[in-house]
N, C-alpha and C. Protein backbone atom coordinates (compact mmCIF):
# COMPACT_ATOMS: atom_id res chain seq x y z
N MET A 1 131.64 -40.99 79.51
CA MET A 1 132.96 -40.41 78.98
C MET A 1 133.84 -41.28 78.58
N LYS A 2 134.50 -40.83 77.68
CA LYS A 2 135.37 -42.04 76.96
C LYS A 2 136.39 -42.27 77.66
N ASP A 3 136.88 -43.67 78.03
CA ASP A 3 138.09 -44.15 78.92
C ASP A 3 139.58 -43.71 78.07
N ASN A 4 140.06 -42.38 78.27
CA ASN A 4 141.18 -42.40 77.75
C ASN A 4 142.23 -41.69 78.50
N LEU A 5 143.40 -41.76 78.24
CA LEU A 5 144.50 -41.05 79.44
C LEU A 5 144.28 -39.52 79.69
N ALA A 6 144.00 -39.06 78.38
CA ALA A 6 143.68 -37.34 78.20
C ALA A 6 142.74 -36.89 79.09
N VAL A 7 141.60 -37.59 79.33
CA VAL A 7 140.59 -37.43 80.06
C VAL A 7 140.79 -37.89 81.47
N ARG A 8 141.43 -39.09 81.50
CA ARG A 8 141.45 -39.42 82.76
C ARG A 8 142.55 -38.28 83.43
N TRP A 9 143.43 -37.86 83.10
CA TRP A 9 144.58 -37.02 83.74
C TRP A 9 144.45 -35.93 83.95
N TRP A 10 143.40 -35.06 83.05
CA TRP A 10 143.04 -33.67 83.15
C TRP A 10 142.40 -33.16 84.15
N THR A 11 143.01 -32.11 84.91
CA THR A 11 142.01 -31.55 86.14
C THR A 11 142.13 -30.04 85.42
N PRO A 12 140.93 -29.11 85.41
CA PRO A 12 141.07 -27.84 84.91
C PRO A 12 142.07 -27.06 85.72
N VAL A 13 142.61 -26.03 85.34
CA VAL A 13 143.70 -25.40 86.00
C VAL A 13 143.04 -24.72 86.84
N SER A 14 142.11 -23.78 86.38
CA SER A 14 141.29 -22.74 87.23
C SER A 14 140.79 -23.73 88.85
N LEU A 15 140.61 -24.86 88.81
CA LEU A 15 140.20 -25.78 89.72
C LEU A 15 141.20 -25.79 90.68
N ARG A 16 142.60 -26.12 89.89
CA ARG A 16 143.62 -26.51 90.68
C ARG A 16 144.26 -25.02 91.45
N ALA A 17 143.79 -23.92 90.63
CA ALA A 17 144.32 -22.97 91.15
C ALA A 17 143.47 -22.66 92.78
N VAL A 18 142.15 -23.10 92.54
CA VAL A 18 141.34 -22.56 93.86
C VAL A 18 141.93 -23.60 94.78
N VAL A 19 142.23 -24.99 94.62
CA VAL A 19 142.36 -25.30 95.56
C VAL A 19 143.72 -25.01 96.42
N SER A 20 144.94 -24.70 95.36
CA SER A 20 145.95 -24.25 95.65
C SER A 20 145.85 -22.76 96.80
N PHE A 21 145.43 -22.10 96.39
CA PHE A 21 145.04 -20.58 96.97
C PHE A 21 144.05 -20.87 98.31
N GLY A 22 143.50 -22.07 97.99
CA GLY A 22 142.54 -22.47 99.28
C GLY A 22 143.01 -22.85 100.51
N TRP A 23 144.35 -23.71 99.97
CA TRP A 23 145.18 -23.63 101.27
C TRP A 23 145.83 -22.82 102.04
N ILE A 24 146.16 -21.46 101.12
CA ILE A 24 146.80 -20.63 102.18
C ILE A 24 145.51 -19.45 102.72
N SER A 25 144.22 -19.64 102.30
CA SER A 25 143.07 -18.90 102.90
C SER A 25 142.69 -19.83 103.80
N LEU A 26 143.23 -21.35 103.78
CA LEU A 26 142.38 -21.95 105.06
C LEU A 26 143.29 -21.71 106.55
N MET A 27 144.79 -21.61 105.83
CA MET A 27 145.71 -20.82 107.34
C MET A 27 145.37 -19.51 107.70
N ILE A 28 144.93 -18.74 106.53
CA ILE A 28 144.48 -17.81 107.27
C ILE A 28 142.72 -17.26 108.26
N ALA A 29 142.15 -18.39 107.77
CA ALA A 29 140.98 -18.62 108.27
C ALA A 29 140.94 -19.16 109.89
N LEU A 30 141.97 -20.02 109.44
CA LEU A 30 142.52 -20.43 111.06
C LEU A 30 143.23 -19.26 112.16
N PHE A 31 143.96 -18.43 111.20
CA PHE A 31 144.14 -17.36 112.09
C PHE A 31 143.00 -16.34 112.29
N MET A 32 142.06 -16.00 111.28
CA MET A 32 140.99 -15.46 111.77
C MET A 32 139.92 -16.25 113.16
N CYS A 33 140.05 -17.76 113.43
CA CYS A 33 139.37 -18.00 114.51
C CYS A 33 140.50 -17.83 115.54
N ALA A 34 141.50 -17.71 115.33
CA ALA A 34 142.09 -17.53 116.57
C ALA A 34 142.38 -15.91 116.96
N VAL A 35 142.09 -15.28 116.32
CA VAL A 35 142.15 -13.39 116.72
C VAL A 35 140.57 -13.63 117.33
N SER A 36 139.52 -14.06 116.67
CA SER A 36 138.36 -13.85 117.46
C SER A 36 138.10 -14.55 118.55
N TRP A 37 138.85 -15.70 118.99
CA TRP A 37 138.76 -16.02 119.99
C TRP A 37 139.65 -15.49 121.07
N MET A 38 140.81 -14.77 120.75
CA MET A 38 141.53 -13.89 121.52
C MET A 38 140.74 -12.75 122.00
N ARG A 39 139.75 -12.18 121.15
CA ARG A 39 138.75 -10.95 121.38
C ARG A 39 137.74 -11.42 122.07
N GLY A 40 137.46 -12.63 122.68
CA GLY A 40 136.00 -13.46 122.89
C GLY A 40 135.12 -12.70 122.59
N ASP A 41 135.15 -12.85 121.01
CA ASP A 41 134.10 -12.53 120.23
C ASP A 41 133.71 -14.01 119.68
N ASP A 42 132.49 -14.51 120.43
CA ASP A 42 131.80 -15.84 120.07
C ASP A 42 131.28 -15.78 118.76
N SER A 43 130.67 -14.76 118.61
CA SER A 43 129.85 -15.07 117.02
C SER A 43 130.94 -14.94 116.19
N GLY A 44 131.88 -13.90 115.99
CA GLY A 44 132.80 -14.00 115.15
C GLY A 44 133.54 -15.10 114.87
N LEU A 45 133.77 -15.74 115.95
CA LEU A 45 134.47 -17.32 116.21
C LEU A 45 133.87 -18.35 115.61
N THR A 46 132.11 -18.25 115.81
CA THR A 46 131.39 -19.11 115.27
C THR A 46 131.56 -18.88 113.32
N THR A 47 131.35 -17.36 112.95
CA THR A 47 131.52 -17.54 111.83
C THR A 47 133.03 -17.74 111.12
N ALA A 48 134.14 -17.57 112.03
CA ALA A 48 135.32 -17.72 111.13
C ALA A 48 135.54 -19.41 111.32
N PHE A 49 134.51 -20.06 112.31
CA PHE A 49 134.85 -21.68 112.16
C PHE A 49 134.06 -22.00 111.15
N MET A 50 132.78 -21.42 110.87
CA MET A 50 132.01 -21.86 109.66
C MET A 50 132.76 -21.53 107.98
N VAL A 51 133.63 -20.57 108.27
CA VAL A 51 134.40 -20.30 106.93
C VAL A 51 135.52 -21.40 106.90
N VAL A 52 136.15 -21.62 108.09
CA VAL A 52 137.19 -22.91 108.08
C VAL A 52 136.64 -24.30 107.48
N ILE A 53 135.27 -24.64 107.99
CA ILE A 53 134.55 -25.87 107.13
C ILE A 53 134.60 -25.65 105.98
N ALA A 54 133.75 -24.53 105.00
CA ALA A 54 133.72 -24.54 104.18
C ALA A 54 134.75 -24.19 103.09
N ASN A 55 136.04 -23.83 103.55
CA ASN A 55 137.49 -23.79 103.11
C ASN A 55 137.59 -25.34 103.18
N SER A 56 137.58 -26.03 103.81
CA SER A 56 138.23 -27.22 103.83
C SER A 56 137.56 -28.11 103.11
N VAL A 57 136.04 -27.97 102.90
CA VAL A 57 135.46 -28.63 102.09
C VAL A 57 136.38 -28.39 100.57
N ILE A 58 136.08 -27.32 100.33
CA ILE A 58 137.04 -26.65 98.85
C ILE A 58 138.48 -27.48 98.48
N VAL A 59 139.18 -27.44 99.92
CA VAL A 59 140.03 -28.27 99.41
C VAL A 59 140.21 -29.45 99.17
N PHE A 60 139.60 -30.19 100.29
CA PHE A 60 139.34 -31.70 100.19
C PHE A 60 138.71 -32.25 99.28
N ILE A 61 137.72 -31.45 98.41
CA ILE A 61 136.61 -32.36 97.61
C ILE A 61 137.02 -32.55 96.26
N LEU A 62 138.08 -31.92 95.52
CA LEU A 62 138.78 -32.41 94.72
C LEU A 62 139.98 -33.22 94.62
N PRO A 63 139.28 -34.54 94.41
CA PRO A 63 140.13 -35.80 94.48
C PRO A 63 140.54 -35.44 92.96
N GLU A 64 141.90 -36.62 92.75
CA GLU A 64 142.06 -36.89 91.56
C GLU A 64 141.04 -37.43 90.71
N ASP A 65 140.35 -38.30 91.40
CA ASP A 65 139.54 -39.40 90.62
C ASP A 65 137.60 -38.85 90.03
N VAL A 66 137.96 -37.63 90.10
CA VAL A 66 136.63 -37.00 90.27
C VAL A 66 136.03 -37.43 88.46
N PRO A 67 136.91 -37.19 87.30
CA PRO A 67 136.62 -37.73 86.21
C PRO A 67 136.05 -39.07 86.20
N ALA A 68 136.92 -40.09 86.67
CA ALA A 68 136.67 -41.24 86.82
C ALA A 68 135.54 -41.71 87.56
N ARG A 69 134.93 -41.11 88.66
CA ARG A 69 133.65 -41.40 89.27
C ARG A 69 133.11 -40.05 89.21
N PRO A 70 132.43 -39.79 88.64
CA PRO A 70 131.84 -38.42 88.45
C PRO A 70 130.51 -38.67 89.36
N VAL A 71 130.65 -37.48 90.33
CA VAL A 71 129.25 -37.34 91.30
C VAL A 71 128.81 -36.00 91.29
N PRO A 72 127.56 -35.91 90.79
CA PRO A 72 127.24 -34.55 91.19
C PRO A 72 127.22 -33.64 91.97
N GLU A 73 127.13 -34.61 93.21
CA GLU A 73 127.02 -33.86 94.40
C GLU A 73 128.12 -33.24 94.75
N LYS A 74 129.43 -33.55 94.37
CA LYS A 74 130.75 -32.96 94.89
C LYS A 74 130.70 -31.30 94.02
N PHE A 75 130.27 -31.34 92.61
CA PHE A 75 129.91 -30.30 92.20
C PHE A 75 129.22 -29.22 92.87
N ALA A 76 127.76 -29.80 93.34
CA ALA A 76 127.16 -28.81 94.27
C ALA A 76 127.81 -28.66 95.45
N LEU A 77 128.58 -29.56 96.02
CA LEU A 77 129.12 -28.83 97.12
C LEU A 77 130.30 -28.21 97.02
N PHE A 78 131.06 -28.31 96.04
CA PHE A 78 132.24 -27.25 95.70
C PHE A 78 131.46 -26.02 95.54
N LEU A 79 130.27 -25.94 94.84
CA LEU A 79 129.83 -24.51 94.41
C LEU A 79 129.12 -23.78 95.91
N VAL A 80 128.15 -24.84 96.41
CA VAL A 80 127.89 -24.12 98.04
C VAL A 80 128.98 -23.95 98.82
N SER A 81 129.72 -24.63 98.66
CA SER A 81 131.48 -24.30 99.82
C SER A 81 131.56 -22.68 99.38
N GLY A 82 131.86 -22.66 98.39
CA GLY A 82 132.44 -21.44 97.45
C GLY A 82 131.53 -20.29 98.07
N VAL A 83 130.15 -20.24 97.49
CA VAL A 83 129.33 -19.41 98.07
C VAL A 83 129.03 -19.01 99.51
N SER A 84 129.06 -20.20 100.53
CA SER A 84 129.31 -19.88 101.93
C SER A 84 130.27 -19.27 102.30
N MET A 85 131.77 -19.21 101.55
CA MET A 85 132.77 -18.85 102.26
C MET A 85 132.72 -17.26 101.54
N THR A 86 132.18 -17.04 100.58
CA THR A 86 131.77 -15.66 100.15
C THR A 86 131.02 -15.00 101.39
N VAL A 87 129.85 -15.46 101.43
CA VAL A 87 128.76 -14.99 102.19
C VAL A 87 129.24 -14.71 103.27
N LEU A 88 129.93 -15.98 104.21
CA LEU A 88 130.43 -15.68 105.60
C LEU A 88 131.60 -14.83 105.94
N SER A 89 132.10 -14.61 104.75
CA SER A 89 133.44 -13.47 105.12
C SER A 89 132.79 -12.16 105.04
N LEU A 90 131.91 -12.10 104.27
CA LEU A 90 131.04 -10.76 103.93
C LEU A 90 130.45 -10.61 105.96
N SER A 91 130.11 -11.48 106.09
CA SER A 91 129.00 -11.25 107.35
C SER A 91 130.17 -11.24 108.59
N TYR A 92 130.99 -11.70 108.46
CA TYR A 92 132.15 -11.28 109.55
C TYR A 92 132.54 -10.03 109.55
N ILE A 93 133.01 -9.55 108.20
CA ILE A 93 133.12 -8.20 108.35
C ILE A 93 132.03 -7.24 108.72
N LEU A 94 131.00 -7.55 108.37
CA LEU A 94 129.77 -6.86 108.76
C LEU A 94 129.85 -6.66 110.36
N HIS A 95 129.91 -8.03 110.81
CA HIS A 95 129.99 -8.29 112.27
C HIS A 95 130.86 -7.42 113.11
N ARG A 96 132.22 -7.51 112.26
CA ARG A 96 133.32 -6.44 112.73
C ARG A 96 133.19 -5.26 113.25
N ALA A 97 132.44 -4.69 111.89
CA ALA A 97 131.82 -3.47 111.90
C ALA A 97 131.29 -2.83 112.98
N ASP A 98 130.19 -3.66 113.62
CA ASP A 98 129.28 -3.20 114.24
C ASP A 98 129.71 -3.56 115.68
N SER A 99 130.98 -3.91 116.02
CA SER A 99 131.57 -4.41 117.26
C SER A 99 132.09 -2.83 118.05
N SER A 100 132.10 -3.49 119.18
CA SER A 100 132.77 -1.74 119.60
C SER A 100 134.28 -1.54 119.12
N VAL A 101 135.05 -2.33 118.81
CA VAL A 101 136.05 -1.99 118.48
C VAL A 101 136.42 -1.52 117.05
N GLY A 102 135.20 -1.94 116.32
CA GLY A 102 135.28 -1.73 114.84
C GLY A 102 136.19 -2.53 113.76
N LEU A 103 136.09 -2.03 112.84
CA LEU A 103 137.16 -2.99 111.64
C LEU A 103 138.29 -2.57 112.05
N THR A 104 139.15 -3.67 111.99
CA THR A 104 140.58 -3.18 111.85
C THR A 104 141.40 -3.55 110.61
N LEU A 105 142.65 -3.34 110.50
CA LEU A 105 143.30 -3.97 109.34
C LEU A 105 143.15 -5.69 109.33
N VAL A 106 143.56 -6.15 110.60
CA VAL A 106 143.63 -7.37 110.79
C VAL A 106 142.14 -8.30 109.96
N ASP A 107 140.96 -7.40 110.33
CA ASP A 107 139.60 -8.18 110.10
C ASP A 107 139.70 -8.14 108.43
N TYR A 108 140.21 -7.11 107.61
CA TYR A 108 140.08 -6.76 106.35
C TYR A 108 141.21 -8.04 106.21
N TRP A 109 142.14 -8.30 106.43
CA TRP A 109 143.29 -9.23 105.83
C TRP A 109 142.93 -10.71 106.17
N THR A 110 142.11 -10.97 107.22
CA THR A 110 141.59 -12.60 107.15
C THR A 110 140.75 -12.93 106.60
N ALA A 111 140.04 -11.71 106.35
CA ALA A 111 138.08 -12.21 105.64
C ALA A 111 138.39 -11.98 103.90
N ALA A 112 139.43 -11.38 103.51
CA ALA A 112 139.79 -11.18 102.24
C ALA A 112 140.10 -12.53 101.16
N PRO A 113 141.02 -13.30 101.58
CA PRO A 113 141.28 -14.45 101.06
C PRO A 113 140.10 -15.32 101.14
N SER A 114 139.44 -15.55 101.81
CA SER A 114 138.40 -16.48 101.78
C SER A 114 137.44 -16.10 101.08
N MET A 115 137.15 -14.51 100.92
CA MET A 115 136.14 -14.19 100.58
C MET A 115 136.66 -14.34 98.78
N LEU A 116 137.74 -14.09 98.35
CA LEU A 116 138.43 -14.22 97.08
C LEU A 116 138.09 -15.72 96.33
N VAL A 117 138.66 -16.64 97.50
CA VAL A 117 138.92 -17.87 97.41
C VAL A 117 137.26 -18.25 96.83
N GLY A 118 136.32 -18.12 97.93
CA GLY A 118 134.96 -18.57 97.54
C GLY A 118 134.28 -17.90 96.36
N ALA A 119 134.77 -16.71 95.75
CA ALA A 119 134.38 -16.28 94.48
C ALA A 119 134.77 -16.88 93.37
N ALA A 120 136.30 -17.09 93.71
CA ALA A 120 136.88 -18.03 92.79
C ALA A 120 136.26 -19.70 92.64
N ALA A 121 136.11 -19.90 93.30
CA ALA A 121 135.62 -21.42 93.48
C ALA A 121 134.19 -21.40 92.86
N VAL A 122 133.30 -20.30 92.63
CA VAL A 122 132.29 -20.66 92.35
C VAL A 122 132.23 -20.26 90.71
N ILE A 123 133.20 -19.62 90.46
CA ILE A 123 133.53 -19.04 88.88
C ILE A 123 133.97 -20.56 88.21
N ALA A 124 134.73 -20.84 88.94
CA ALA A 124 136.08 -22.41 88.42
C ALA A 124 134.77 -23.29 88.47
N ALA A 125 133.88 -23.39 89.45
CA ALA A 125 133.06 -24.66 89.71
C ALA A 125 132.09 -24.16 88.40
N SER A 126 131.93 -23.32 88.10
CA SER A 126 130.45 -23.13 86.73
C SER A 126 131.28 -23.27 85.72
N ARG A 127 132.44 -22.90 85.14
CA ARG A 127 132.99 -23.34 84.11
C ARG A 127 133.65 -24.57 83.96
N SER A 128 133.56 -25.17 85.07
CA SER A 128 134.14 -26.78 84.75
C SER A 128 132.82 -27.66 85.15
N SER A 129 131.91 -27.27 85.11
CA SER A 129 130.83 -28.07 85.37
C SER A 129 130.69 -29.54 84.84
N ARG A 130 130.65 -29.58 83.19
CA ARG A 130 131.39 -30.47 82.27
C ARG A 130 132.28 -31.55 82.81
N TRP A 131 133.27 -30.85 83.49
CA TRP A 131 134.41 -31.90 84.07
C TRP A 131 134.02 -32.57 85.27
N PHE A 132 133.37 -32.01 86.30
CA PHE A 132 132.70 -32.05 87.46
C PHE A 132 131.63 -33.92 87.16
N MET A 133 130.81 -33.36 86.15
CA MET A 133 129.99 -34.72 85.67
C MET A 133 130.39 -35.64 85.03
N GLY A 134 131.64 -35.49 84.72
CA GLY A 134 132.35 -37.06 84.21
C GLY A 134 131.87 -36.18 82.33
N LYS A 135 131.62 -35.23 82.01
CA LYS A 135 131.48 -35.19 80.65
C LYS A 135 132.25 -34.36 79.58
N ALA A 136 133.17 -34.46 80.19
CA ALA A 136 134.30 -33.46 79.65
C ALA A 136 134.88 -34.49 78.35
N SER A 137 135.21 -33.63 76.95
CA SER A 137 135.37 -34.56 76.04
C SER A 137 136.87 -34.65 75.89
N THR A 138 137.28 -35.66 75.16
CA THR A 138 138.65 -35.75 74.98
C THR A 138 139.33 -34.43 74.44
N GLU A 139 138.87 -33.57 73.33
CA GLU A 139 139.03 -32.69 72.82
C GLU A 139 139.39 -31.36 73.95
N GLU A 140 138.49 -31.39 74.90
CA GLU A 140 138.58 -30.31 76.02
C GLU A 140 139.65 -31.00 76.73
N ALA A 141 140.13 -31.90 77.15
CA ALA A 141 141.09 -32.54 78.07
C ALA A 141 142.53 -32.21 77.41
N LEU A 142 142.15 -32.85 75.96
CA LEU A 142 143.84 -32.37 75.08
C LEU A 142 144.36 -30.76 75.16
N ASN A 143 143.08 -29.71 75.14
CA ASN A 143 143.34 -28.27 75.13
C ASN A 143 143.96 -27.99 75.95
N GLY A 144 143.27 -28.78 77.22
CA GLY A 144 143.62 -28.33 79.15
C GLY A 144 145.09 -29.02 78.91
N LEU A 145 145.33 -30.00 78.55
CA LEU A 145 146.51 -30.60 79.01
C LEU A 145 147.73 -29.56 78.07
N ALA A 146 147.22 -29.33 77.14
CA ALA A 146 148.45 -28.36 76.23
C ALA A 146 148.67 -27.53 76.72
N ARG A 147 147.56 -26.49 77.35
CA ARG A 147 147.66 -25.22 78.07
C ARG A 147 148.41 -25.38 79.43
N SER A 148 148.52 -26.25 80.20
CA SER A 148 149.16 -26.83 81.23
C SER A 148 150.77 -26.89 80.54
N ARG A 149 150.70 -27.40 79.49
CA ARG A 149 152.07 -28.19 79.26
C ARG A 149 152.73 -26.68 78.94
N ARG A 150 152.22 -25.78 78.43
CA ARG A 150 152.95 -24.29 77.96
C ARG A 150 153.40 -23.59 78.98
N HIS A 151 152.46 -23.72 80.05
CA HIS A 151 152.50 -22.48 81.32
C HIS A 151 153.51 -23.32 82.36
């Protein structure tokens, strides 16, 4: 990758959006842990805690220096965490559906953000793989910076 300012300062907007919404999803996933703990639901608590871990990886894996030090493992970790969040959220909903109480509105409300952020992370990571690998061109970076400036 060429060492120029455009490439060094550009981060795809889709990845920044996933991280921004990931913070909200992380707070709601912590609430999901608290709800499962209050219900005495050990399996739900374990699943919710795994969602918190996968969500934390998505929020904290995207440092500003990814283009300067490309590491393919960060791309894989971001992608796997997104898939994990989606699958774990679905697993949580299915687990709650089989419980004695059944599904409640709180279950949908706590699982939906994690499911959406996980799916968005998978889509954003697949579209930004060149950026993660440090192979983004100057033209891509300039177009991305121009788009960010307009909006």
